[in-house]
């Protein structure tokens, strides 16, 4: 079967046999799920190596060793696949971040350093993940905007929870935990993006030190503000 070069599905894929019998002890739904996983893994390789805008359905199917029929079984376009790859990458980063925080001392500076080190190591150790999550994601299209915004909100929500627990008095001074957390996430993302664009030439420890300074400044300022007990 010819593998399509198209970036979007020209017609609805055939569903003939979709409810077929079990094969090798695996039912059709599970086989489809496995094919989808293979396509997402292949998408990370292709997008990471070539960039989204230079990748085709043919490239992804070739990497996954599947035909275009199976591509369109799970995704109606390359953008849909990119969204799935992006979500998978961010889920992996979130899991790694939560694990690092769980193993860290419950001190603001220590928690910030653990989270930032995890983030920077994550993008440095796999340039494919870095390209998908930081470089290409903002350029894919309007359909990605809600997805990237949600990822930012997820990490901001994580920081917000710690800030509310450790510095509950900020609201008394007109400060919003969510806004502060969003700003810190945005700054960290921008720093990491530029670092990736520069091929991570600056040593990780130097990038970490400068990024961490923003968190330390926020923590220091929060500590200088009087609490209810001090008023």
Protein backbone atom coordinates (compact mmCIF):
# COMPACT_ATOMS: atom_id res chain seq x y z
CA UNK A 1 0.00 0.00 0.00
CA UNK A 2 1.37 3.40 -0.96
CA UNK A 3 2.30 5.64 1.94
CA UNK A 4 0.86 9.15 1.64
CA UNK A 5 3.07 12.21 1.57
CA UNK A 6 0.15 14.39 2.62
CA UNK A 7 0.19 16.29 5.89
CA UNK A 8 -3.59 15.87 6.20
CA UNK A 9 -5.92 13.00 5.46
CA UNK A 10 -7.55 13.53 2.03
CA UNK A 11 -10.46 11.25 2.92
CA UNK A 12 -11.84 9.30 5.83
CA UNK A 13 -9.86 6.07 6.30
CA UNK A 14 -11.60 2.80 5.68
CA UNK A 15 -12.97 1.13 8.78
CA UNK A 16 -13.55 -2.21 7.13
CA UNK A 17 -12.56 -4.99 9.45
CA UNK A 18 -12.10 -2.56 12.37
CA UNK A 19 -14.17 -4.83 14.58
CA UNK A 20 -12.23 -7.89 13.49
CA UNK A 21 -11.32 -10.93 15.48
CA UNK A 22 -8.50 -11.30 17.94
CA UNK A 23 -5.10 -11.86 16.39
CA UNK A 24 -2.28 -13.46 18.32
CA UNK A 25 -4.37 -13.18 21.46
CA UNK A 26 -4.72 -9.38 21.07
CA UNK A 27 -8.07 -7.76 20.30
CA UNK A 28 -8.45 -5.06 17.58
CA UNK A 29 -8.68 -2.17 20.06
CA UNK A 30 -5.42 -3.13 21.73
CA UNK A 31 -3.68 -3.57 18.36
CA UNK A 32 -4.84 -0.07 17.39
CA UNK A 33 -3.56 1.32 20.68
CA UNK A 34 -0.18 -0.31 20.08
CA UNK A 35 -0.01 1.15 16.57
CA UNK A 36 -0.85 4.57 17.95
CA UNK A 37 1.97 4.30 20.48
CA UNK A 38 4.37 3.33 17.68
CA UNK A 39 3.29 6.35 15.65
CA UNK A 40 3.80 8.70 18.60
CA UNK A 41 7.25 7.24 19.21
CA UNK A 42 8.05 7.57 15.52
CA UNK A 43 6.71 11.13 15.53
CA UNK A 44 9.13 12.11 18.26
CA UNK A 45 12.04 10.77 16.22
CA UNK A 46 10.93 12.39 12.96
CA UNK A 47 9.89 15.74 14.41
CA UNK A 48 12.93 15.80 16.64
CA UNK A 49 15.35 15.10 13.80
CA UNK A 50 13.73 16.98 10.91
CA UNK A 51 11.43 19.49 12.53
CA UNK A 52 7.66 19.54 12.19
CA UNK A 53 7.56 21.68 9.06
CA UNK A 54 9.88 19.36 7.13
CA UNK A 55 8.17 16.12 8.13
CA UNK A 56 5.56 14.13 6.23
CA UNK A 57 3.20 11.25 6.82
CA UNK A 58 5.55 9.14 4.70
CA UNK A 59 8.45 9.93 7.05
CA UNK A 60 6.49 8.97 10.15
CA UNK A 61 5.06 5.80 8.65
CA UNK A 62 8.48 4.76 7.46
CA UNK A 63 9.92 5.25 10.94
CA UNK A 64 7.02 3.36 12.53
CA UNK A 65 7.03 0.67 9.80
CA UNK A 66 3.30 1.14 9.29
CA UNK A 67 1.23 2.16 6.27
CA UNK A 68 -0.68 5.42 5.94
CA UNK A 69 -3.90 3.49 6.54
CA UNK A 70 -2.82 2.97 10.12
CA UNK A 71 -1.64 6.55 10.46
CA UNK A 72 -5.12 7.86 9.61
CA UNK A 73 -6.67 5.25 11.84
CA UNK A 74 -5.35 7.27 14.79
CA UNK A 75 -4.63 10.78 13.47
CA UNK A 76 -6.36 12.95 10.90
CA UNK A 77 -3.32 15.15 10.26
CA UNK A 78 0.32 15.69 11.09
CA UNK A 79 -0.68 18.43 13.50
CA UNK A 80 -2.84 15.94 15.40
CA UNK A 81 0.16 13.62 15.70
CA UNK A 82 2.36 16.51 16.81
CA UNK A 83 -0.13 17.35 19.55
CA UNK A 84 -0.01 13.75 20.77
CA UNK A 85 3.80 13.76 20.75
CA UNK A 86 3.92 17.10 22.58
CA UNK A 87 1.49 15.88 25.23
CA UNK A 88 3.50 12.68 25.72
CA UNK A 89 6.74 14.65 26.14
CA UNK A 90 5.20 17.04 28.67
CA UNK A 91 3.62 14.17 30.58
CA UNK A 92 7.04 12.56 30.88
CA UNK A 93 8.55 15.84 32.08
CA UNK A 94 5.79 16.35 34.65
CA UNK A 95 6.31 12.83 36.01
CA UNK A 96 10.06 13.39 36.29
CA UNK A 97 9.49 16.75 38.01
CA UNK A 98 7.04 15.35 40.56
CA UNK A 99 9.44 12.52 41.35
CA UNK A 100 12.32 14.99 41.86
CA UNK A 101 10.19 17.17 44.14
CA UNK A 102 9.06 14.18 46.17
CA UNK A 103 12.69 13.31 46.89
CA UNK A 104 13.65 16.88 47.79
CA UNK A 105 13.83 18.68 51.12
CA UNK A 106 10.69 20.81 51.66
CA UNK A 107 12.50 24.14 51.35
CA UNK A 108 11.57 26.68 48.62
CA UNK A 109 15.07 27.08 47.20
CA UNK A 110 15.73 23.34 47.23
CA UNK A 111 12.43 22.57 45.54
CA UNK A 112 13.03 25.21 42.86
CA UNK A 113 16.52 23.89 42.16
CA UNK A 114 15.27 20.29 41.92
CA UNK A 115 12.51 21.23 39.48
CA UNK A 116 14.74 23.41 37.31
CA UNK A 117 17.55 20.86 37.21
CA UNK A 118 15.07 18.21 36.13
CA UNK A 119 13.71 20.47 33.39
CA UNK A 120 17.10 21.50 32.00
CA UNK A 121 18.47 17.95 32.15
CA UNK A 122 15.35 16.68 30.42
CA UNK A 123 15.75 18.95 27.40
CA UNK A 124 19.54 18.68 27.25
CA UNK A 125 19.67 14.89 27.36
CA UNK A 126 17.28 14.43 24.43
CA UNK A 127 17.42 17.16 21.75
CA UNK A 128 14.35 15.60 20.11
CA UNK A 129 12.21 16.31 23.13
CA UNK A 130 13.65 19.80 23.32
CA UNK A 131 12.85 20.56 19.69
CA UNK A 132 9.28 19.33 19.99
CA UNK A 133 8.46 20.95 23.33
CA UNK A 134 10.33 24.23 23.02
CA UNK A 135 11.25 25.07 19.43
CA UNK A 136 8.53 23.73 17.13
CA UNK A 137 5.46 23.77 19.37
CA UNK A 138 4.85 27.55 19.12
CA UNK A 139 5.06 27.42 15.29
CA UNK A 140 2.79 24.47 14.49
CA UNK A 141 -0.52 26.29 14.30
CA UNK A 142 -3.49 27.66 16.18
CA UNK A 143 -4.56 24.16 17.16
CA UNK A 144 -1.48 23.88 19.37
CA UNK A 145 -2.12 27.07 21.32
CA UNK A 146 -4.59 25.53 23.76
CA UNK A 147 -2.31 22.52 24.24
CA UNK A 148 0.80 24.57 25.03
CA UNK A 149 -1.22 26.88 27.27
CA UNK A 150 -2.51 23.89 29.21
CA UNK A 151 1.02 22.54 29.66
CA UNK A 152 2.14 25.92 31.00
CA UNK A 153 -0.84 26.03 33.35
CA UNK A 154 -0.10 22.52 34.62
CA UNK A 155 3.42 23.46 35.68
CA UNK A 156 2.26 26.83 37.02
CA UNK A 157 -0.39 25.01 39.07
CA UNK A 158 2.32 22.81 40.54
CA UNK A 159 4.34 25.86 41.61
CA UNK A 160 1.21 27.64 42.85
CA UNK A 161 0.47 24.79 45.24
CA UNK A 162 3.90 25.04 46.86
CA UNK A 163 3.74 28.84 47.03
CA UNK A 164 0.32 28.82 48.67
CA UNK A 165 1.53 26.32 51.24
CA UNK A 166 4.78 28.10 52.07
CA UNK A 167 3.75 31.72 51.59
CA UNK A 168 0.00 31.93 52.20
CA UNK A 169 0.27 35.59 53.22
CA UNK A 170 1.14 36.92 49.74
CA UNK A 171 -2.50 37.66 48.99
CA UNK A 172 -2.55 40.13 51.87
CA UNK A 173 -0.10 42.25 49.90
CA UNK A 174 -1.96 42.19 46.58
CA UNK A 175 0.12 39.36 45.14
CA UNK A 176 -1.45 36.49 43.23
CA UNK A 177 0.22 33.09 43.58
CA UNK A 178 -1.00 32.00 40.15
CA UNK A 179 0.32 35.05 38.36
CA UNK A 180 3.70 34.75 40.04
CA UNK A 181 3.88 31.04 39.20
CA UNK A 182 2.94 31.66 35.57
CA UNK A 183 5.66 34.29 35.31
CA UNK A 184 8.28 31.95 36.72
CA UNK A 185 7.25 29.16 34.34
CA UNK A 186 7.29 31.56 31.39
CA UNK A 187 10.75 32.85 32.26
CA UNK A 188 12.12 29.34 32.73
CA UNK A 189 10.65 28.21 29.42
CA UNK A 190 12.16 31.16 27.58
CA UNK A 191 15.58 30.60 29.15
CA UNK A 192 15.51 26.91 28.24
CA UNK A 193 14.30 27.63 24.70
CA UNK A 194 17.17 30.01 23.99
CA UNK A 195 19.58 27.51 25.53
CA UNK A 196 18.30 24.80 23.20
CA UNK A 197 18.47 27.11 20.16
CA UNK A 198 22.13 27.75 21.11
CA UNK A 199 22.64 23.96 21.19
CA UNK A 200 23.11 23.96 24.97
CA UNK A 201 26.58 25.49 24.63
CA UNK A 202 26.38 27.17 28.03
CA UNK A 203 27.07 24.67 30.85
CA UNK A 204 23.90 23.44 32.53
CA UNK A 205 25.07 24.65 35.94
CA UNK A 206 25.44 28.21 34.62
CA UNK A 207 21.96 28.19 33.10
CA UNK A 208 20.57 26.68 36.28
CA UNK A 209 22.22 29.32 38.46
CA UNK A 210 20.77 32.19 36.44
CA UNK A 211 17.32 30.65 36.20
CA UNK A 212 17.30 29.80 39.88
CA UNK A 213 18.12 33.42 40.73
CA UNK A 214 14.61 34.41 39.62
CA UNK A 215 13.04 31.91 41.99
CA UNK A 216 15.38 32.90 44.81
CA UNK A 217 14.49 36.56 44.35
CA UNK A 218 10.78 35.72 44.54
CA UNK A 219 11.29 33.61 47.66
CA UNK A 220 13.43 36.31 49.30
CA UNK A 221 10.81 38.98 48.61
CA UNK A 222 8.04 36.74 49.94
CA UNK A 223 9.97 36.30 53.17
CA UNK A 224 10.35 40.05 53.66
CA UNK A 225 6.59 40.63 53.59
CA UNK A 226 4.89 40.62 57.00
CA UNK A 227 2.40 37.91 57.81
CA UNK A 228 -0.78 38.32 59.86
CA UNK A 229 1.17 37.48 62.99
CA UNK A 230 3.64 40.29 62.28
CA UNK A 231 1.01 42.97 61.73
